[in-house]
Amino acid sequence: MAGLVALLVGLAATPSTAQVFTGR
C-alpha cells in the first residue's frame, strides 16, 4: 500500500508534457 501511494503521488507531481503554441 505504501508503494502504491508513493507511485500515485509521483505520477500526480509529474509535469504535463502538453504545450500550447497558439493564442486567441
PDB file of all heavy atoms in Angstrom:
ATOM      1  N   MET A   1       0.835  -1.206   0.000  1.00  0.00           N
ATOM      2  CA  MET A   1       0.000   0.000   0.000  1.00  0.00           C
ATOM      3  C   MET A   1       0.869   1.256   0.000  1.00  0.00           C
ATOM      4  O   MET A   1       0.576   2.229  -0.699  1.00  0.00           O
ATOM      5  CB  MET A   1      -0.929   0.013   1.222  1.00  0.00           C
ATOM      6  CG  MET A   1      -2.033  -1.005   1.143  1.00  0.00           C
ATOM      7  SD  MET A   1      -3.166  -0.620  -0.176  1.00  0.00           S
ATOM      8  CE  MET A   1      -4.205   0.530   0.655  1.00  0.00           C
ATOM      9  N   ALA A   2       1.930   1.257   0.766  1.00  0.00           N
ATOM     10  CA  ALA A   2       2.835   2.409   0.823  1.00  0.00           C
ATOM     11  C   ALA A   2       3.487   2.625  -0.543  1.00  0.00           C
ATOM     12  O   ALA A   2       3.633   3.761  -1.010  1.00  0.00           O
ATOM     13  CB  ALA A   2       3.892   2.218   1.897  1.00  0.00           C
ATOM     14  N   GLY A   3       3.862   1.551  -1.187  1.00  0.00           N
ATOM     15  CA  GLY A   3       4.458   1.650  -2.518  1.00  0.00           C
ATOM     16  C   GLY A   3       3.466   2.198  -3.537  1.00  0.00           C
ATOM     17  O   GLY A   3       3.815   3.026  -4.384  1.00  0.00           O
ATOM     18  N   LEU A   4       2.214   1.766  -3.458  1.00  0.00           N
ATOM     19  CA  LEU A   4       1.176   2.244  -4.364  1.00  0.00           C
ATOM     20  C   LEU A   4       0.909   3.729  -4.157  1.00  0.00           C
ATOM     21  O   LEU A   4       0.808   4.491  -5.111  1.00  0.00           O
ATOM     22  CB  LEU A   4      -0.112   1.437  -4.166  1.00  0.00           C
ATOM     23  CG  LEU A   4      -1.286   1.818  -5.056  1.00  0.00           C
ATOM     24  CD1 LEU A   4      -0.932   1.624  -6.522  1.00  0.00           C
ATOM     25  CD2 LEU A   4      -2.510   1.009  -4.689  1.00  0.00           C
ATOM     26  N   VAL A   5       0.845   4.139  -2.899  1.00  0.00           N
ATOM     27  CA  VAL A   5       0.630   5.555  -2.593  1.00  0.00           C
ATOM     28  C   VAL A   5       1.793   6.386  -3.120  1.00  0.00           C
ATOM     29  O   VAL A   5       1.605   7.451  -3.713  1.00  0.00           O
ATOM     30  CB  VAL A   5       0.414   5.771  -1.074  1.00  0.00           C
ATOM     31  CG1 VAL A   5       0.479   7.241  -0.712  1.00  0.00           C
ATOM     32  CG2 VAL A   5      -0.905   5.169  -0.643  1.00  0.00           C
ATOM     33  N   ALA A   6       3.017   5.929  -2.926  1.00  0.00           N
ATOM     34  CA  ALA A   6       4.202   6.651  -3.411  1.00  0.00           C
ATOM     35  C   ALA A   6       4.169   6.770  -4.937  1.00  0.00           C
ATOM     36  O   ALA A   6       4.501   7.814  -5.505  1.00  0.00           O
ATOM     37  CB  ALA A   6       5.469   5.954  -2.941  1.00  0.00           C
ATOM     38  N   LEU A   7       3.758   5.712  -5.613  1.00  0.00           N
ATOM     39  CA  LEU A   7       3.670   5.733  -7.068  1.00  0.00           C
ATOM     40  C   LEU A   7       2.631   6.739  -7.539  1.00  0.00           C
ATOM     41  O   LEU A   7       2.877   7.530  -8.446  1.00  0.00           O
ATOM     42  CB  LEU A   7       3.325   4.335  -7.593  1.00  0.00           C
ATOM     43  CG  LEU A   7       3.122   4.230  -9.113  1.00  0.00           C
ATOM     44  CD1 LEU A   7       4.431   4.510  -9.840  1.00  0.00           C
ATOM     45  CD2 LEU A   7       2.581   2.861  -9.477  1.00  0.00           C
ATOM     46  N   LEU A   8       1.456   6.752  -6.914  1.00  0.00           N
ATOM     47  CA  LEU A   8       0.400   7.689  -7.296  1.00  0.00           C
ATOM     48  C   LEU A   8       0.806   9.136  -7.040  1.00  0.00           C
ATOM     49  O   LEU A   8       0.535  10.017  -7.850  1.00  0.00           O
ATOM     50  CB  LEU A   8      -0.892   7.352  -6.557  1.00  0.00           C
ATOM     51  CG  LEU A   8      -1.575   6.061  -7.001  1.00  0.00           C
ATOM     52  CD1 LEU A   8      -2.778   5.769  -6.115  1.00  0.00           C
ATOM     53  CD2 LEU A   8      -1.965   6.114  -8.449  1.00  0.00           C
ATOM     54  N   VAL A   9       1.458   9.397  -5.935  1.00  0.00           N
ATOM     55  CA  VAL A   9       1.933  10.754  -5.626  1.00  0.00           C
ATOM     56  C   VAL A   9       2.978  11.171  -6.652  1.00  0.00           C
ATOM     57  O   VAL A   9       2.980  12.300  -7.137  1.00  0.00           O
ATOM     58  CB  VAL A   9       2.481  10.839  -4.181  1.00  0.00           C
ATOM     59  CG1 VAL A   9       3.226  12.136  -3.950  1.00  0.00           C
ATOM     60  CG2 VAL A   9       1.354  10.681  -3.188  1.00  0.00           C
ATOM     61  N   GLY A  10       3.843  10.282  -7.022  1.00  0.00           N
ATOM     62  CA  GLY A  10       4.880  10.581  -8.023  1.00  0.00           C
ATOM     63  C   GLY A  10       4.279  10.901  -9.384  1.00  0.00           C
ATOM     64  O   GLY A  10       4.719  11.816 -10.068  1.00  0.00           O
ATOM     65  N   LEU A  11       3.260  10.163  -9.775  1.00  0.00           N
ATOM     66  CA  LEU A  11       2.611  10.422 -11.061  1.00  0.00           C
ATOM     67  C   LEU A  11       1.865  11.755 -11.052  1.00  0.00           C
ATOM     68  O   LEU A  11       1.854  12.479 -12.040  1.00  0.00           O
ATOM     69  CB  LEU A  11       1.650   9.289 -11.411  1.00  0.00           C
ATOM     70  CG  LEU A  11       2.293   7.968 -11.816  1.00  0.00           C
ATOM     71  CD1 LEU A  11       1.216   6.900 -12.036  1.00  0.00           C
ATOM     72  CD2 LEU A  11       3.137   8.124 -13.055  1.00  0.00           C
ATOM     73  N   ALA A  12       1.236  12.083  -9.931  1.00  0.00           N
ATOM     74  CA  ALA A  12       0.488  13.331  -9.837  1.00  0.00           C
ATOM     75  C   ALA A  12       1.417  14.540  -9.871  1.00  0.00           C
ATOM     76  O   ALA A  12       1.043  15.612 -10.333  1.00  0.00           O
ATOM     77  CB  ALA A  12      -0.350  13.350  -8.562  1.00  0.00           C
ATOM     78  N   ALA A  13       2.648  14.388  -9.408  1.00  0.00           N
ATOM     79  CA  ALA A  13       3.587  15.503  -9.354  1.00  0.00           C
ATOM     80  C   ALA A  13       4.336  15.695 -10.672  1.00  0.00           C
ATOM     81  O   ALA A  13       5.027  16.686 -10.849  1.00  0.00           O
ATOM     82  CB  ALA A  13       4.575  15.285  -8.224  1.00  0.00           C
ATOM     83  N   THR A  14       4.224  14.747 -11.603  1.00  0.00           N
ATOM     84  CA  THR A  14       4.922  14.854 -12.880  1.00  0.00           C
ATOM     85  C   THR A  14       4.295  15.950 -13.722  1.00  0.00           C
ATOM     86  O   THR A  14       3.089  15.978 -13.920  1.00  0.00           O
ATOM     87  CB  THR A  14       4.842  13.511 -13.646  1.00  0.00           C
ATOM     88  OG1 THR A  14       5.365  12.488 -12.815  1.00  0.00           O
ATOM     89  CG2 THR A  14       5.626  13.573 -14.932  1.00  0.00           C
ATOM     90  N   PRO A  15       5.099  16.898 -14.225  1.00  0.00           N
ATOM     91  CA  PRO A  15       4.529  17.971 -15.040  1.00  0.00           C
ATOM     92  C   PRO A  15       3.990  17.443 -16.364  1.00  0.00           C
ATOM     93  O   PRO A  15       4.490  16.465 -16.911  1.00  0.00           O
ATOM     94  CB  PRO A  15       5.708  18.923 -15.274  1.00  0.00           C
ATOM     95  CG  PRO A  15       6.926  18.114 -15.014  1.00  0.00           C
ATOM     96  CD  PRO A  15       6.534  17.013 -14.059  1.00  0.00           C
ATOM     97  N   SER A  16       2.995  18.113 -16.858  1.00  0.00           N
ATOM     98  CA  SER A  16       2.385  17.736 -18.124  1.00  0.00           C
ATOM     99  C   SER A  16       3.334  18.052 -19.272  1.00  0.00           C
ATOM    100  O   SER A  16       4.032  19.062 -19.256  1.00  0.00           O
ATOM    101  CB  SER A  16       1.076  18.509 -18.314  1.00  0.00           C
ATOM    102  OG  SER A  16       0.555  18.270 -19.596  1.00  0.00           O
ATOM    103  N   THR A  17       3.348  17.213 -20.275  1.00  0.00           N
ATOM    104  CA  THR A  17       4.225  17.453 -21.412  1.00  0.00           C
ATOM    105  C   THR A  17       3.519  18.199 -22.536  1.00  0.00           C
ATOM    106  O   THR A  17       4.140  18.548 -23.517  1.00  0.00           O
ATOM    107  CB  THR A  17       4.768  16.113 -21.966  1.00  0.00           C
ATOM    108  OG1 THR A  17       3.659  15.298 -22.330  1.00  0.00           O
ATOM    109  CG2 THR A  17       5.633  15.414 -20.936  1.00  0.00           C
ATOM    110  N   ALA A  18       2.208  18.461 -22.400  1.00  0.00           N
ATOM    111  CA  ALA A  18       1.472  19.189 -23.435  1.00  0.00           C
ATOM    112  C   ALA A  18       1.901  20.643 -23.427  1.00  0.00           C
ATOM    113  O   ALA A  18       2.058  21.261 -22.388  1.00  0.00           O
ATOM    114  CB  ALA A  18      -0.030  19.083 -23.190  1.00  0.00           C
ATOM    115  N   GLN A  19       2.105  21.180 -24.625  1.00  0.00           N
ATOM    116  CA  GLN A  19       2.493  22.578 -24.748  1.00  0.00           C
ATOM    117  C   GLN A  19       1.518  23.282 -25.665  1.00  0.00           C
ATOM    118  O   GLN A  19       0.988  22.700 -26.596  1.00  0.00           O
ATOM    119  CB  GLN A  19       3.908  22.689 -25.300  1.00  0.00           C
ATOM    120  CG  GLN A  19       4.947  22.116 -24.361  1.00  0.00           C
ATOM    121  CD  GLN A  19       6.346  22.235 -24.942  1.00  0.00           C
ATOM    122  OE1 GLN A  19       6.534  22.721 -26.034  1.00  0.00           O
ATOM    123  NE2 GLN A  19       7.327  21.779 -24.189  1.00  0.00           N
ATOM    124  N   VAL A  20       1.302  24.557 -25.392  1.00  0.00           N
ATOM    125  CA  VAL A  20       0.403  25.366 -26.204  1.00  0.00           C
ATOM    126  C   VAL A  20       1.240  26.258 -27.099  1.00  0.00           C
ATOM    127  O   VAL A  20       2.141  26.948 -26.634  1.00  0.00           O
ATOM    128  CB  VAL A  20      -0.512  26.222 -25.294  1.00  0.00           C
ATOM    129  CG1 VAL A  20      -1.396  27.117 -26.121  1.00  0.00           C
ATOM    130  CG2 VAL A  20      -1.329  25.329 -24.390  1.00  0.00           C
ATOM    131  N   PHE A  21       0.940  26.253 -28.410  1.00  0.00           N
ATOM    132  CA  PHE A  21       1.693  27.062 -29.352  1.00  0.00           C
ATOM    133  C   PHE A  21       0.815  28.106 -30.032  1.00  0.00           C
ATOM    134  O   PHE A  21       1.203  28.691 -31.028  1.00  0.00           O
ATOM    135  CB  PHE A  21       2.340  26.175 -30.420  1.00  0.00           C
ATOM    136  CG  PHE A  21       3.371  25.241 -29.852  1.00  0.00           C
ATOM    137  CD1 PHE A  21       3.105  23.893 -29.724  1.00  0.00           C
ATOM    138  CD2 PHE A  21       4.597  25.712 -29.421  1.00  0.00           C
ATOM    139  CE1 PHE A  21       4.045  23.034 -29.190  1.00  0.00           C
ATOM    140  CE2 PHE A  21       5.545  24.866 -28.885  1.00  0.00           C
ATOM    141  CZ  PHE A  21       5.269  23.511 -28.773  1.00  0.00           C
ATOM    142  N   THR A  22      -0.387  28.315 -29.513  1.00  0.00           N
ATOM    143  CA  THR A  22      -1.318  29.263 -30.130  1.00  0.00           C
ATOM    144  C   THR A  22      -1.880  30.206 -29.072  1.00  0.00           C
ATOM    145  O   THR A  22      -1.727  29.990 -27.883  1.00  0.00           O
ATOM    146  CB  THR A  22      -2.490  28.528 -30.802  1.00  0.00           C
ATOM    147  OG1 THR A  22      -3.200  27.776 -29.818  1.00  0.00           O
ATOM    148  CG2 THR A  22      -2.013  27.609 -31.919  1.00  0.00           C
ATOM    149  N   GLY A  23      -2.558  31.254 -29.539  1.00  0.00           N
ATOM    150  CA  GLY A  23      -3.233  32.194 -28.655  1.00  0.00           C
ATOM    151  C   GLY A  23      -4.648  32.404 -29.160  1.00  0.00           C
ATOM    152  O   GLY A  23      -5.111  31.694 -30.066  1.00  0.00           O
ATOM    153  N   ARG A  24      -5.347  33.402 -28.610  1.00  0.00           N
ATOM    154  CA  ARG A  24      -6.713  33.660 -29.038  1.00  0.00           C
ATOM    155  C   ARG A  24      -7.064  35.124 -28.869  1.00  0.00           C
ATOM    156  O   ARG A  24      -6.446  35.830 -28.077  1.00  0.00           O
ATOM    157  CB  ARG A  24      -7.701  32.768 -28.317  1.00  0.00           C
ATOM    158  CG  ARG A  24      -7.770  33.000 -26.822  1.00  0.00           C
ATOM    159  CD  ARG A  24      -8.565  31.951 -26.121  1.00  0.00           C
ATOM    160  NE  ARG A  24      -9.951  32.369 -25.951  1.00  0.00           N
ATOM    161  CZ  ARG A  24     -10.839  31.681 -25.276  1.00  0.00           C
ATOM    162  NH1 ARG A  24     -10.527  30.518 -24.754  1.00  0.00           N
ATOM    163  NH2 ARG A  24     -12.062  32.134 -25.136  1.00  0.00           N
TER     164      ARG A  24
END
